[in-house]
Protein backbone atom coordinates (compact mmCIF):
# COMPACT_ATOMS: atom_id res chain seq x y z
CA MET A 1 55.58 -24.90 -105.03
CA ASN A 2 52.20 -25.97 -103.89
CA PRO A 3 49.78 -24.68 -101.11
CA TYR A 4 50.95 -27.45 -98.64
CA GLU A 5 54.59 -26.59 -98.58
CA ASN A 6 54.25 -23.65 -96.34
CA LEU A 7 51.59 -24.85 -93.93
CA PRO A 8 52.52 -25.05 -90.24
CA PRO A 9 52.95 -28.32 -88.41
CA LYS A 10 49.39 -28.26 -86.97
CA ALA A 11 48.06 -28.88 -90.47
CA PHE A 12 49.60 -32.25 -90.75
CA TRP A 13 48.34 -35.30 -88.77
CA ARG A 14 51.76 -36.90 -88.32
CA ARG A 15 53.51 -33.84 -86.95
CA ALA A 16 50.56 -32.49 -85.03
CA VAL A 17 49.19 -35.69 -83.58
CA ALA A 18 50.95 -39.11 -84.42
CA GLU A 19 54.38 -37.92 -83.20
CA ASN A 20 53.10 -36.49 -79.95
CA SER A 21 51.92 -37.90 -76.67
CA MET A 22 48.17 -37.35 -76.49
CA TYR A 23 48.86 -34.79 -73.59
CA ASP A 24 51.09 -32.87 -75.86
CA VAL A 25 48.44 -32.41 -78.55
CA SER A 26 47.87 -28.62 -78.26
CA GLY A 27 46.90 -25.54 -80.21
CA LEU A 28 43.50 -26.94 -81.11
CA TRP A 29 41.81 -23.57 -80.77
CA ASN A 30 42.76 -20.30 -82.28
CA PRO A 31 40.61 -17.84 -80.38
CA LYS A 32 38.87 -15.13 -82.37
CA PHE A 33 38.74 -12.60 -79.69
CA LYS A 34 40.31 -11.79 -76.34
CA LEU A 35 38.79 -12.77 -73.03
CA SER A 36 40.16 -10.63 -70.27
CA PRO A 37 39.51 -11.28 -66.45
CA LYS A 38 37.20 -8.23 -66.05
CA MET A 39 34.90 -9.20 -68.96
CA PRO A 40 31.56 -10.65 -67.65
CA VAL A 41 30.83 -13.99 -69.12
CA SER A 42 27.57 -15.79 -69.11
CA THR A 43 27.30 -19.57 -69.40
CA TYR A 44 24.38 -21.87 -70.30
CA GLY A 45 23.69 -25.11 -71.97
CA SER A 46 23.82 -28.81 -71.29
CA CYS A 47 25.33 -30.58 -68.26
CA PHE A 48 28.97 -30.12 -69.44
CA ALA A 49 28.49 -26.37 -69.70
CA GLN A 50 28.41 -26.15 -65.85
CA HIS A 51 32.15 -26.77 -65.69
CA ILE A 52 32.92 -23.76 -67.77
CA GLY A 53 31.69 -21.10 -65.32
CA ARG A 54 33.34 -22.68 -62.42
CA ALA A 55 36.61 -22.88 -64.33
CA LEU A 56 36.36 -19.23 -65.23
CA GLN A 57 35.83 -18.28 -61.60
CA ALA A 58 38.63 -20.49 -60.35
CA ARG A 59 41.07 -18.75 -62.67
CA GLY A 60 40.00 -15.29 -61.63
CA PHE A 61 37.73 -14.51 -64.49
CA ASN A 62 34.39 -12.74 -64.22
CA TRP A 63 31.70 -15.45 -64.36
CA LEU A 64 28.52 -13.53 -64.49
CA ARG A 65 25.65 -14.69 -62.21
CA THR A 66 22.59 -12.65 -62.23
CA GLU A 67 20.52 -14.87 -59.96
CA THR A 68 22.36 -15.55 -56.81
CA ALA A 69 21.53 -17.79 -53.77
CA PRO A 70 19.98 -16.41 -50.59
CA PHE A 71 22.48 -15.36 -48.01
CA GLY A 72 23.65 -18.21 -45.76
CA MET A 73 22.55 -21.00 -48.11
CA SER A 74 24.90 -23.94 -47.87
CA ASP A 75 27.01 -25.11 -50.83
CA ALA A 76 24.91 -28.38 -50.92
CA ASN A 77 21.64 -26.43 -51.10
CA ARG A 78 22.86 -23.92 -53.64
CA LEU A 79 23.53 -26.91 -55.91
CA ALA A 80 20.31 -28.67 -55.14
CA TYR A 81 18.32 -25.52 -55.91
CA ASN A 82 20.23 -24.68 -59.06
CA TYR A 83 22.16 -21.61 -57.87
CA ASP A 84 25.71 -21.10 -59.29
CA VAL A 85 25.02 -23.78 -61.88
CA PHE A 86 24.42 -21.45 -64.73
CA SER A 87 24.26 -17.69 -64.90
CA SER A 88 20.63 -17.86 -63.83
CA ARG A 89 18.30 -20.66 -62.72
CA THR A 90 17.15 -21.82 -66.01
CA GLY A 91 18.18 -25.39 -65.56
CA ASN A 92 19.81 -27.24 -68.42
CA ILE A 93 19.14 -25.65 -71.93
CA TYR A 94 19.97 -28.66 -74.06
CA THR A 95 18.79 -27.52 -77.48
CA THR A 96 19.09 -24.43 -79.63
CA SER A 97 15.31 -24.21 -79.76
CA LEU A 98 15.12 -24.13 -75.93
CA LEU A 99 17.66 -21.25 -76.01
CA LEU A 100 15.50 -19.45 -78.51
CA GLN A 101 12.42 -20.06 -76.38
CA TRP A 102 14.09 -18.67 -73.27
CA LEU A 103 15.11 -15.55 -75.22
CA GLN A 104 11.65 -15.01 -76.59
CA TRP A 105 10.04 -15.26 -73.20
CA ALA A 106 12.70 -13.08 -71.53
CA PHE A 107 12.47 -10.25 -74.02
CA GLY A 108 8.65 -10.30 -74.35
CA ILE A 109 8.53 -11.63 -77.93
CA LYS A 110 6.26 -14.49 -76.83
CA PRO A 111 4.22 -15.03 -73.66
CA VAL A 112 5.29 -17.57 -71.09
CA PRO A 113 2.88 -20.58 -71.22
CA GLU A 114 0.50 -20.98 -68.28
CA GLU A 115 1.07 -24.69 -67.92
CA ILE A 116 1.99 -25.91 -64.50
CA TRP A 117 2.44 -29.41 -63.13
CA GLU A 118 1.12 -30.63 -59.87
CA LYS A 119 2.35 -33.69 -57.79
CA SER A 120 1.44 -34.58 -54.37
CA GLY A 121 0.21 -31.11 -53.52
CA ARG A 122 3.43 -29.41 -54.79
CA PHE A 123 3.81 -27.36 -58.02
CA TYR A 124 6.51 -27.74 -60.63
CA ASP A 125 7.58 -25.41 -63.47
CA PRO A 126 7.44 -27.53 -66.66
CA PHE A 127 10.30 -25.48 -68.00
CA ARG A 128 12.58 -25.75 -64.98
CA PRO A 129 11.30 -29.03 -63.43
CA ARG A 130 14.20 -29.59 -61.04
CA VAL A 131 15.23 -26.04 -59.87
CA GLU A 132 13.05 -26.70 -56.71
CA PRO A 133 13.67 -30.35 -55.82
CA ASP A 134 10.43 -30.73 -53.98
CA GLY A 135 8.42 -28.43 -56.13
CA PHE A 136 6.90 -25.01 -55.06
CA ALA A 137 4.43 -24.69 -52.20
CA SER A 138 1.97 -22.57 -54.33
CA VAL A 139 1.31 -21.35 -57.92
CA GLU A 140 2.04 -17.91 -56.77
CA GLU A 141 5.53 -18.90 -55.56
CA LEU A 142 6.27 -20.71 -58.80
CA ARG A 143 5.16 -17.62 -60.87
CA ALA A 144 7.35 -15.32 -58.74
CA SER A 145 10.39 -17.58 -59.14
CA GLN A 146 9.77 -17.99 -62.92
CA GLN A 147 9.55 -14.20 -63.38
CA GLN A 148 12.82 -13.68 -61.38
CA THR A 149 14.56 -16.13 -63.52
CA LEU A 150 13.31 -14.57 -66.73
CA LYS A 151 14.54 -11.13 -65.50
CA SER A 152 17.94 -12.65 -64.46
CA PHE A 153 18.22 -14.52 -67.68
CA ARG A 154 17.52 -11.25 -69.59
CA GLU A 155 20.24 -9.39 -67.53
CA SER A 156 22.75 -12.15 -68.24
CA VAL A 157 22.40 -11.39 -71.91
CA THR A 158 22.37 -7.63 -71.73
CA GLN A 159 25.16 -7.36 -69.14
CA ALA A 160 27.58 -9.91 -70.57
CA ASP A 161 30.49 -9.33 -72.90
CA VAL A 162 30.69 -13.01 -73.80
CA PHE A 163 27.95 -15.62 -73.89
CA VAL A 164 29.09 -19.20 -73.79
CA PHE A 165 26.57 -21.84 -74.86
CA THR A 166 27.03 -25.60 -74.96
CA LEU A 167 24.91 -27.44 -77.45
CA GLY A 168 23.72 -30.76 -76.03
CA LEU A 169 20.83 -32.45 -77.85
CA THR A 170 18.85 -32.65 -81.08
CA GLU A 171 16.15 -34.69 -79.50
CA ARG A 172 13.27 -32.77 -77.83
CA TRP A 173 9.66 -32.97 -76.48
CA LEU A 174 7.09 -30.45 -77.79
CA ASN A 175 3.56 -29.58 -76.82
CA SER A 176 1.96 -30.22 -80.17
CA GLU A 177 -1.22 -28.13 -79.29
CA LYS A 178 0.57 -25.08 -78.00
CA GLY A 179 3.81 -25.20 -79.88
CA TYR A 180 6.32 -24.91 -77.09
CA GLU A 181 9.17 -27.12 -75.92
CA TYR A 182 9.95 -28.88 -72.68
CA PRO A 183 13.49 -29.48 -71.26
CA MET A 184 12.42 -33.01 -70.28
CA CYS A 185 9.71 -35.42 -71.32
CA PRO A 186 6.52 -34.78 -69.30
CA GLY A 187 5.91 -37.62 -66.82
CA THR A 188 9.54 -37.98 -65.84
CA VAL A 189 10.14 -35.49 -63.02
CA ALA A 190 6.42 -34.58 -62.76
CA GLY A 191 3.42 -33.86 -65.02
CA GLU A 192 1.64 -36.52 -66.94
CA PHE A 193 2.61 -37.78 -70.30
CA ASP A 194 -0.21 -37.43 -72.94
CA GLU A 195 0.60 -39.09 -76.20
CA ALA A 196 -2.01 -37.07 -77.86
CA VAL A 197 -0.32 -33.79 -76.91
CA HIS A 198 3.34 -34.55 -76.18
CA GLN A 199 5.35 -35.03 -79.40
CA PHE A 200 8.84 -36.33 -79.76
CA ASP A 201 10.97 -34.65 -82.38
CA ASN A 202 14.57 -35.09 -83.48
CA MET A 203 15.73 -31.90 -85.20
CA ILE A 204 17.83 -32.09 -88.43
CA PHE A 205 20.70 -29.72 -89.26
CA SER A 206 18.59 -26.94 -90.83
CA GLU A 207 16.22 -26.78 -87.80
CA VAL A 208 19.12 -26.70 -85.27
CA GLN A 209 20.82 -23.95 -87.30
CA LYS A 210 17.62 -21.91 -87.85
CA ASN A 211 16.98 -21.85 -84.23
CA LEU A 212 20.54 -20.90 -83.28
CA TYR A 213 20.67 -18.11 -85.87
CA ALA A 214 17.31 -16.70 -84.51
CA ALA A 215 18.64 -16.79 -80.99
CA LEU A 216 21.91 -15.00 -81.98
CA LYS A 217 19.85 -12.37 -83.72
CA ILE A 218 17.85 -11.57 -80.58
CA MET A 219 20.93 -11.52 -78.33
CA ARG A 220 22.82 -9.16 -80.69
CA GLU A 221 19.80 -6.93 -80.97
CA GLN A 222 19.65 -6.67 -77.28
CA ASN A 223 23.42 -6.45 -76.69
CA GLU A 224 25.33 -5.28 -79.80
CA LYS A 225 28.70 -5.79 -78.16
CA LEU A 226 28.03 -9.42 -77.16
CA ARG A 227 30.33 -12.12 -78.50
CA VAL A 228 29.50 -15.83 -78.39
CA ILE A 229 31.51 -19.04 -77.81
CA LEU A 230 29.92 -22.14 -78.77
CA THR A 231 30.84 -25.63 -77.63
CA VAL A 232 29.35 -29.10 -78.07
CA SER A 233 28.82 -31.32 -75.11
CA PRO A 234 30.98 -34.51 -75.25
CA VAL A 235 28.55 -36.41 -73.01
CA PRO A 236 26.65 -39.17 -74.71
CA LEU A 237 22.80 -39.33 -74.61
CA THR A 238 21.45 -41.08 -71.49
CA ALA A 239 18.55 -42.45 -73.52
CA THR A 240 17.01 -41.96 -76.99
CA ASN A 241 13.42 -42.18 -78.15
CA SER A 242 14.49 -42.24 -81.81
CA GLY A 243 14.25 -46.08 -82.20
CA LYS A 244 17.94 -46.25 -82.86
CA HIS A 245 20.73 -47.74 -80.68
CA VAL A 246 21.76 -45.15 -78.20
CA LEU A 247 25.40 -45.13 -79.48
CA VAL A 248 24.16 -44.50 -83.08
CA ALA A 249 21.67 -41.79 -81.87
CA THR A 250 24.43 -40.10 -79.90
CA MET A 251 26.70 -39.93 -82.87
CA GLN A 252 24.03 -38.56 -85.13
CA SER A 253 22.97 -35.88 -82.66
CA LYS A 254 26.56 -34.83 -81.81
CA SER A 255 27.43 -34.70 -85.47
CA VAL A 256 24.65 -32.35 -86.32
CA LEU A 257 25.37 -30.16 -83.39
CA ARG A 258 29.16 -29.96 -84.16
CA ALA A 259 28.42 -29.17 -87.79
CA VAL A 260 26.04 -26.33 -86.90
CA ALA A 261 28.44 -24.95 -84.31
CA GLY A 262 31.35 -24.97 -86.75
CA GLN A 263 29.42 -23.46 -89.67
CA THR A 264 27.95 -20.73 -87.36
CA ALA A 265 31.46 -19.81 -86.16
CA ASP A 266 32.86 -19.81 -89.62
CA SER A 267 30.14 -17.47 -90.92
CA ARG A 268 29.85 -14.99 -88.04
CA TRP A 269 32.81 -12.84 -86.81
CA TYR A 270 31.32 -12.45 -83.32
CA VAL A 271 30.89 -16.29 -82.80
CA ASP A 272 33.73 -18.66 -81.94
CA TYR A 273 33.87 -22.42 -81.50
CA PHE A 274 35.89 -24.12 -78.78
CA PRO A 275 36.66 -27.85 -79.36
CA SER A 276 35.77 -29.45 -76.04
CA TYR A 277 33.89 -32.12 -77.90
CA GLU A 278 37.00 -33.11 -79.80
CA ILE A 279 39.27 -33.12 -76.85
CA ILE A 280 37.09 -35.52 -74.97
CA ASN A 281 35.87 -37.78 -77.86
CA SER A 282 38.65 -37.88 -80.33
CA PRO A 283 40.23 -41.31 -80.67
CA VAL A 284 43.52 -39.63 -80.12
CA PHE A 285 42.69 -39.38 -76.35
CA ARG A 286 41.66 -43.09 -76.14
CA GLY A 287 38.64 -42.50 -73.99
CA ASN A 288 41.01 -41.67 -71.05
CA PHE A 289 38.84 -38.68 -70.00
CA PHE A 290 35.65 -40.76 -69.33
CA GLU A 291 34.48 -42.41 -66.17
CA PRO A 292 34.09 -46.22 -66.34
CA ASN A 293 30.50 -45.88 -67.53
CA GLN A 294 31.85 -44.33 -70.71
CA ARG A 295 29.46 -41.44 -70.37
CA ASN A 296 30.44 -39.03 -67.59
CA VAL A 297 33.46 -37.00 -68.07
CA ALA A 298 36.11 -37.52 -65.31
CA LYS A 299 37.39 -34.59 -63.22
CA HIS A 300 40.82 -34.85 -64.85
CA GLY A 301 39.11 -34.70 -68.26
CA VAL A 302 37.22 -31.51 -67.40
CA ASN A 303 40.54 -30.02 -66.06
CA PHE A 304 42.42 -30.89 -69.28
CA VAL A 305 39.67 -29.20 -71.38
CA MET A 306 39.70 -26.11 -69.36
CA ASP A 307 43.51 -25.93 -69.21
CA SER A 308 43.47 -26.19 -72.95
CA PHE A 309 40.94 -23.42 -73.18
CA PHE A 310 43.11 -20.95 -71.16
CA ARG A 311 46.41 -22.08 -72.62
CA ASP A 312 45.17 -21.34 -76.15
CA LEU A 313 43.71 -17.95 -75.08
CA ASN A 314 47.18 -17.12 -73.50
CA ALA A 315 49.06 -18.22 -76.66
CA ARG A 316 46.96 -16.07 -78.80
CA PHE A 317 46.68 -12.94 -76.67
CA GLY A 318 49.11 -13.22 -73.93
CA ARG A 319 48.23 -13.48 -70.20
CA LYS A 320 47.13 -10.33 -68.30
CA GLU A 321 49.00 -9.76 -65.05
CA ASP A 322 45.74 -9.78 -63.10
CA ALA A 323 44.86 -13.36 -64.42
CA PRO A 324 46.42 -16.32 -62.63
CA ALA A 325 48.18 -18.84 -64.86
CA PRO A 326 46.21 -22.02 -65.50
CA ALA A 327 47.62 -25.18 -63.93
CA ALA A 328 49.43 -27.58 -66.34
CA ALA A 329 47.54 -30.55 -67.36
CA LYS A 330 48.94 -33.82 -65.94
CA PRO A 331 48.38 -37.35 -67.32
CA ALA A 332 46.30 -39.42 -65.12
CA ALA A 333 44.29 -42.65 -65.38
CA ALA A 334 40.58 -42.32 -65.23
CA PRO A 335 39.49 -42.74 -61.59
CA ALA A 336 36.73 -45.05 -60.66
CA GLY A 337 33.47 -43.82 -59.28
CA LYS A 338 30.56 -41.63 -60.24
CA LYS A 339 30.67 -38.24 -61.80
CA SER A 340 31.40 -35.13 -59.79
CA LYS A 341 28.88 -34.29 -57.25
CA ASP A 342 28.79 -30.61 -58.48
CA GLU A 343 27.17 -31.47 -61.81
CA VAL A 344 23.44 -31.19 -62.21
CA CYS A 345 22.15 -33.19 -65.19
CA GLU A 346 18.35 -33.48 -65.58
CA GLU A 347 18.71 -35.86 -68.61
CA GLU A 348 20.28 -38.54 -66.33
CA LEU A 349 16.86 -39.07 -64.64
CA LEU A 350 15.79 -40.93 -67.89
CA GLU A 351 17.94 -43.82 -66.78
CA ALA A 352 15.60 -44.57 -63.96
CA PHE A 353 12.80 -45.48 -66.39
CA ALA A 354 14.89 -48.22 -68.06
CA ALA A 355 13.49 -51.72 -67.89
CA GLY A 356 14.94 -53.29 -64.63
CA GLY A 357 15.79 -49.87 -63.18
CA ARG A 358 19.06 -48.06 -62.77
CA LYS A 359 22.27 -50.17 -62.81
């Protein structure tokens, strides 16, 4: 008798993977806690995180949005002005340090920086540079919007039962004089790049982990019932300032984020990890879920990930009668074309600065 003799099929590569069609590889997630349709769920993070909230809503779950669009705003304008993208209008939160920064501002632990960018007579929030596509008309309007988002972000933490966060990047840009972080390099959307002030940094494992642990501590202090689901974005970097080939930089960054997410989930009972990264990027799935550019995740890939999420939840806890059954995933070839129009990804603007322009 040895420890391997009584292990289930999922523990063995041949039985769990090699002998199955890639569409039959299942049971990748064993959820720690139940997610019922009435539980409010907040979602934040990188570009891929946007799909989670919409998938929750489509299946009759309670996607919590604490900052809603003005009455009568069209679907196109809601997207353009960053409503119904995340639970509030923070824009993409790519790093664990940006998550911590938002929490520190929202709960009054640190003051919000006074920095504002001006371009062609319009004013831009350095920490939400694309929430108003054409900038704000005045500083006062910008400040009022910023305070509303901080209030809404705070409420999305205190009112949620579950907080889903998708880790996206380790690379970041800092203000070396003031010590705060930007979601994008100054000078891309707006602002002016100053090499004496704006500092590139690529966080190592311990920094990513330290920031995440600090963020979790604040959230749990403010909402002791809160549970957290971590995911890692499967989307490669648009560009890297590390000096490495973008493919190598991507693998390094995602490996660090995956290791941090896994270790955090293993060490905290109220934190779980869902393997969206593995579903999209594992060689088992042969790149089938990517668009032809090998970066954007195709719609059928997103659907496969979210179907896996709900299928594993149902397998672990059963399906409530008031929750619709998720649709079965269907094999499909990756369609040609650009990414879904309902995805807002600030990082993709970096492609415009490549030599020769966008291709």
